[in-house]
N, C-alpha and C. Protein backbone atom coordinates (compact mmCIF):
# COMPACT_ATOMS: atom_id res chain seq x y z
N MET A 1 145.40 125.01 109.30
CA MET A 1 145.94 126.15 110.02
C MET A 1 144.82 126.65 111.01
N ARG A 2 145.28 127.00 112.22
CA ARG A 2 144.36 127.56 113.22
C ARG A 2 144.23 129.06 112.98
N ILE A 3 143.04 129.56 113.20
CA ILE A 3 142.73 131.01 113.14
C ILE A 3 142.19 131.39 114.45
N ARG A 4 142.74 132.42 115.04
CA ARG A 4 142.24 133.00 116.29
C ARG A 4 141.94 134.44 116.09
N GLY A 5 140.86 134.95 116.72
CA GLY A 5 140.54 136.31 116.59
C GLY A 5 139.34 136.71 117.46
N LYS A 6 138.97 137.92 117.29
CA LYS A 6 137.86 138.46 118.09
C LYS A 6 137.20 139.55 117.20
N VAL A 7 135.87 139.49 117.16
CA VAL A 7 135.11 140.50 116.42
C VAL A 7 134.20 141.17 117.45
N THR A 8 134.21 142.55 117.44
CA THR A 8 133.38 143.31 118.30
C THR A 8 132.45 144.16 117.47
N LEU A 9 131.11 143.98 117.68
CA LEU A 9 130.11 144.78 117.04
C LEU A 9 129.47 145.69 118.06
N VAL A 10 129.34 146.94 117.75
CA VAL A 10 128.68 147.94 118.62
C VAL A 10 127.51 148.52 117.85
N VAL A 11 126.32 148.31 118.42
CA VAL A 11 125.07 148.76 117.76
C VAL A 11 124.40 149.78 118.64
N PRO A 12 124.36 151.06 118.15
CA PRO A 12 123.61 152.07 118.94
C PRO A 12 122.11 151.78 119.04
N MET A 13 121.56 151.99 120.21
CA MET A 13 120.16 151.76 120.44
C MET A 13 119.47 153.04 120.77
N GLU A 14 118.16 153.10 120.60
CA GLU A 14 117.40 154.29 120.87
C GLU A 14 117.46 154.67 122.37
N SER A 15 117.49 153.65 123.20
CA SER A 15 117.57 153.95 124.65
C SER A 15 118.21 152.75 125.36
N ALA A 16 118.51 152.99 126.63
CA ALA A 16 119.12 151.87 127.44
C ALA A 16 118.07 150.78 127.63
N GLU A 17 116.81 151.17 127.73
CA GLU A 17 115.72 150.13 127.92
C GLU A 17 115.67 149.24 126.61
N ASP A 18 115.72 149.89 125.44
CA ASP A 18 115.70 149.12 124.20
C ASP A 18 116.90 148.17 124.16
N CYS A 19 118.03 148.67 124.62
CA CYS A 19 119.25 147.79 124.59
C CYS A 19 119.06 146.60 125.47
N GLU A 20 118.46 146.75 126.60
CA GLU A 20 118.25 145.60 127.56
C GLU A 20 117.25 144.62 126.94
N VAL A 21 116.23 145.11 126.29
CA VAL A 21 115.27 144.24 125.62
C VAL A 21 115.94 143.42 124.54
N VAL A 22 116.74 144.08 123.71
CA VAL A 22 117.44 143.44 122.58
C VAL A 22 118.38 142.39 123.16
N MET A 23 119.15 142.79 124.17
CA MET A 23 120.15 141.87 124.77
C MET A 23 119.43 140.63 125.35
N ARG A 24 118.37 140.83 126.09
CA ARG A 24 117.67 139.68 126.65
C ARG A 24 117.04 138.81 125.60
N SER A 25 116.63 139.40 124.50
CA SER A 25 116.06 138.62 123.41
C SER A 25 117.11 137.79 122.70
N LEU A 26 118.31 138.22 122.65
CA LEU A 26 119.38 137.52 121.95
C LEU A 26 120.10 136.48 122.82
N MET A 27 120.03 136.60 124.09
CA MET A 27 120.75 135.68 124.95
C MET A 27 120.49 134.20 124.72
N PRO A 28 119.28 133.76 124.51
CA PRO A 28 119.05 132.32 124.27
C PRO A 28 119.84 131.76 123.04
N ASP A 29 120.04 132.63 122.02
CA ASP A 29 120.74 132.19 120.84
C ASP A 29 122.26 132.02 121.00
N GLU A 30 122.76 132.55 122.11
CA GLU A 30 124.20 132.53 122.37
C GLU A 30 124.62 131.18 123.00
N THR A 31 123.72 130.31 123.31
CA THR A 31 124.08 129.01 123.83
C THR A 31 124.24 128.04 122.68
N GLY A 32 125.07 127.08 122.78
CA GLY A 32 125.22 126.07 121.74
C GLY A 32 125.95 126.56 120.51
N LEU A 33 126.82 127.54 120.69
CA LEU A 33 127.64 127.97 119.54
C LEU A 33 128.53 126.81 119.05
N PRO A 34 128.95 126.84 117.74
CA PRO A 34 129.88 125.79 117.29
C PRO A 34 131.16 125.78 118.12
N PRO A 35 131.79 124.61 118.18
CA PRO A 35 133.05 124.50 118.92
C PRO A 35 134.11 125.51 118.43
N GLY A 36 134.79 126.06 119.42
CA GLY A 36 135.83 127.10 119.02
C GLY A 36 135.29 128.54 119.05
N LEU A 37 133.97 128.69 119.21
CA LEU A 37 133.40 130.01 119.23
C LEU A 37 132.88 130.36 120.64
N SER A 38 133.04 131.57 121.07
CA SER A 38 132.48 131.99 122.34
C SER A 38 132.05 133.44 122.18
N SER A 39 130.99 133.85 122.86
CA SER A 39 130.45 135.18 122.70
C SER A 39 130.06 135.81 124.05
N SER A 40 129.97 137.07 123.98
CA SER A 40 129.42 137.81 125.12
C SER A 40 128.60 139.00 124.56
N ILE A 41 127.60 139.33 125.31
CA ILE A 41 126.73 140.41 124.84
C ILE A 41 126.35 141.23 126.06
N ARG A 42 126.44 142.60 125.90
CA ARG A 42 126.13 143.45 127.04
C ARG A 42 125.64 144.85 126.48
N CYS A 43 125.11 145.58 127.39
CA CYS A 43 124.71 146.96 127.03
C CYS A 43 125.75 147.87 127.71
N ASP A 44 126.15 148.90 127.00
CA ASP A 44 127.12 149.85 127.49
C ASP A 44 126.70 151.22 127.02
N ASN A 45 126.15 152.06 127.92
CA ASN A 45 125.74 153.39 127.61
C ASN A 45 124.76 153.45 126.40
N GLY A 46 123.76 152.56 126.44
CA GLY A 46 122.74 152.57 125.36
C GLY A 46 123.23 151.93 124.09
N LYS A 47 124.31 151.26 124.10
CA LYS A 47 124.83 150.60 122.92
C LYS A 47 124.92 149.08 123.23
N LEU A 48 124.49 148.29 122.25
CA LEU A 48 124.62 146.86 122.39
C LEU A 48 126.01 146.49 121.92
N VAL A 49 126.79 145.77 122.80
CA VAL A 49 128.11 145.39 122.46
C VAL A 49 128.16 143.86 122.41
N TYR A 50 128.48 143.36 121.27
CA TYR A 50 128.60 141.89 121.02
C TYR A 50 130.02 141.57 120.66
N GLU A 51 130.57 140.58 121.38
CA GLU A 51 131.95 140.12 121.11
C GLU A 51 131.95 138.66 120.84
N LEU A 52 132.59 138.28 119.68
CA LEU A 52 132.67 136.92 119.28
C LEU A 52 134.15 136.54 119.16
N SER A 53 134.58 135.66 120.00
CA SER A 53 135.99 135.17 119.96
C SER A 53 135.97 133.81 119.28
N TYR A 54 137.03 133.60 118.49
CA TYR A 54 137.12 132.32 117.82
C TYR A 54 138.56 131.75 117.82
N ASP A 55 138.60 130.45 117.86
CA ASP A 55 139.87 129.69 117.80
C ASP A 55 139.51 128.41 117.08
N ILE A 56 139.63 128.52 115.75
CA ILE A 56 139.11 127.41 114.86
C ILE A 56 140.08 127.04 113.78
N ASN A 57 139.85 125.98 113.09
CA ASN A 57 140.59 125.63 111.90
C ASN A 57 140.16 126.52 110.77
N SER A 58 140.99 126.82 109.89
CA SER A 58 140.67 127.73 108.77
C SER A 58 139.51 127.28 107.97
N ASP A 59 139.30 126.00 107.81
CA ASP A 59 138.11 125.50 107.07
C ASP A 59 136.82 125.66 107.77
N GLU A 60 136.85 126.09 109.01
CA GLU A 60 135.62 126.33 109.80
C GLU A 60 135.24 127.83 109.94
N PHE A 61 135.95 128.66 109.15
CA PHE A 61 135.73 130.12 109.31
C PHE A 61 134.35 130.57 108.96
N LEU A 62 133.68 129.80 108.08
CA LEU A 62 132.29 130.11 107.70
C LEU A 62 131.37 130.13 108.93
N SER A 63 131.72 129.35 109.95
CA SER A 63 130.89 129.39 111.16
C SER A 63 130.95 130.74 111.84
N VAL A 64 132.07 131.47 111.75
CA VAL A 64 132.15 132.83 112.34
C VAL A 64 131.25 133.75 111.56
N TYR A 65 131.34 133.70 110.26
CA TYR A 65 130.44 134.52 109.42
C TYR A 65 128.96 134.21 109.70
N ASN A 66 128.59 132.96 109.79
CA ASN A 66 127.17 132.58 109.93
C ASN A 66 126.69 133.05 111.34
N THR A 67 127.55 132.96 112.37
CA THR A 67 127.18 133.42 113.66
C THR A 67 126.91 134.89 113.72
N LEU A 68 127.77 135.65 113.05
CA LEU A 68 127.55 137.14 113.00
C LEU A 68 126.35 137.44 112.13
N ASP A 69 126.12 136.72 111.08
CA ASP A 69 124.98 136.99 110.20
C ASP A 69 123.66 136.74 110.98
N ASP A 70 123.64 135.64 111.73
CA ASP A 70 122.47 135.32 112.53
C ASP A 70 122.23 136.40 113.60
N LEU A 71 123.28 136.87 114.21
CA LEU A 71 123.12 137.89 115.26
C LEU A 71 122.50 139.12 114.62
N LEU A 72 123.09 139.60 113.49
CA LEU A 72 122.61 140.79 112.91
C LEU A 72 121.15 140.69 112.42
N ARG A 73 120.80 139.56 111.89
CA ARG A 73 119.38 139.32 111.49
C ARG A 73 118.49 139.43 112.71
N ASN A 74 118.87 138.80 113.81
CA ASN A 74 118.04 138.81 114.98
C ASN A 74 117.93 140.22 115.62
N VAL A 75 119.03 140.95 115.61
CA VAL A 75 119.00 142.31 116.12
C VAL A 75 118.03 143.10 115.34
N ARG A 76 118.09 142.97 114.03
CA ARG A 76 117.15 143.74 113.15
C ARG A 76 115.70 143.35 113.43
N ILE A 77 115.38 142.09 113.63
CA ILE A 77 114.06 141.63 113.92
C ILE A 77 113.54 142.23 115.24
N VAL A 78 114.36 142.21 116.24
CA VAL A 78 113.94 142.68 117.56
C VAL A 78 113.77 144.26 117.47
N MET A 79 114.70 144.92 116.84
CA MET A 79 114.58 146.39 116.71
C MET A 79 113.31 146.73 115.92
N ASN A 80 113.06 146.05 114.86
CA ASN A 80 111.79 146.31 114.09
C ASN A 80 110.57 146.09 114.96
N SER A 81 110.59 145.09 115.79
CA SER A 81 109.48 144.83 116.74
C SER A 81 109.34 145.95 117.66
N LEU A 82 110.42 146.45 118.21
CA LEU A 82 110.37 147.57 119.17
C LEU A 82 109.78 148.80 118.52
N ASP A 83 110.11 149.06 117.30
CA ASP A 83 109.62 150.22 116.53
C ASP A 83 108.12 150.19 116.40
N LYS A 84 107.53 149.01 116.39
CA LYS A 84 106.06 148.83 116.19
C LYS A 84 105.30 148.95 117.47
N LEU A 85 105.98 148.99 118.63
CA LEU A 85 105.29 149.05 119.92
C LEU A 85 104.82 150.51 120.18
């Protein structure tokens, strides 16, 4: 069975500058996603907006979870780094 959908994550940032830094830090990881997944990442009024669209077989749904998990871990790492500056 095919599963299609879209997940949108909105992460508030301390500032628009922090959002830009986080976005630029995450961009390299958005290349080479598994087949059937596509993403976009942008800043909108100081919030990081990440959208993940998927059109996959049901047995591949774990790749959606893993992609979101990787993103959230990386956001946390970058935000922790910014806090230490």
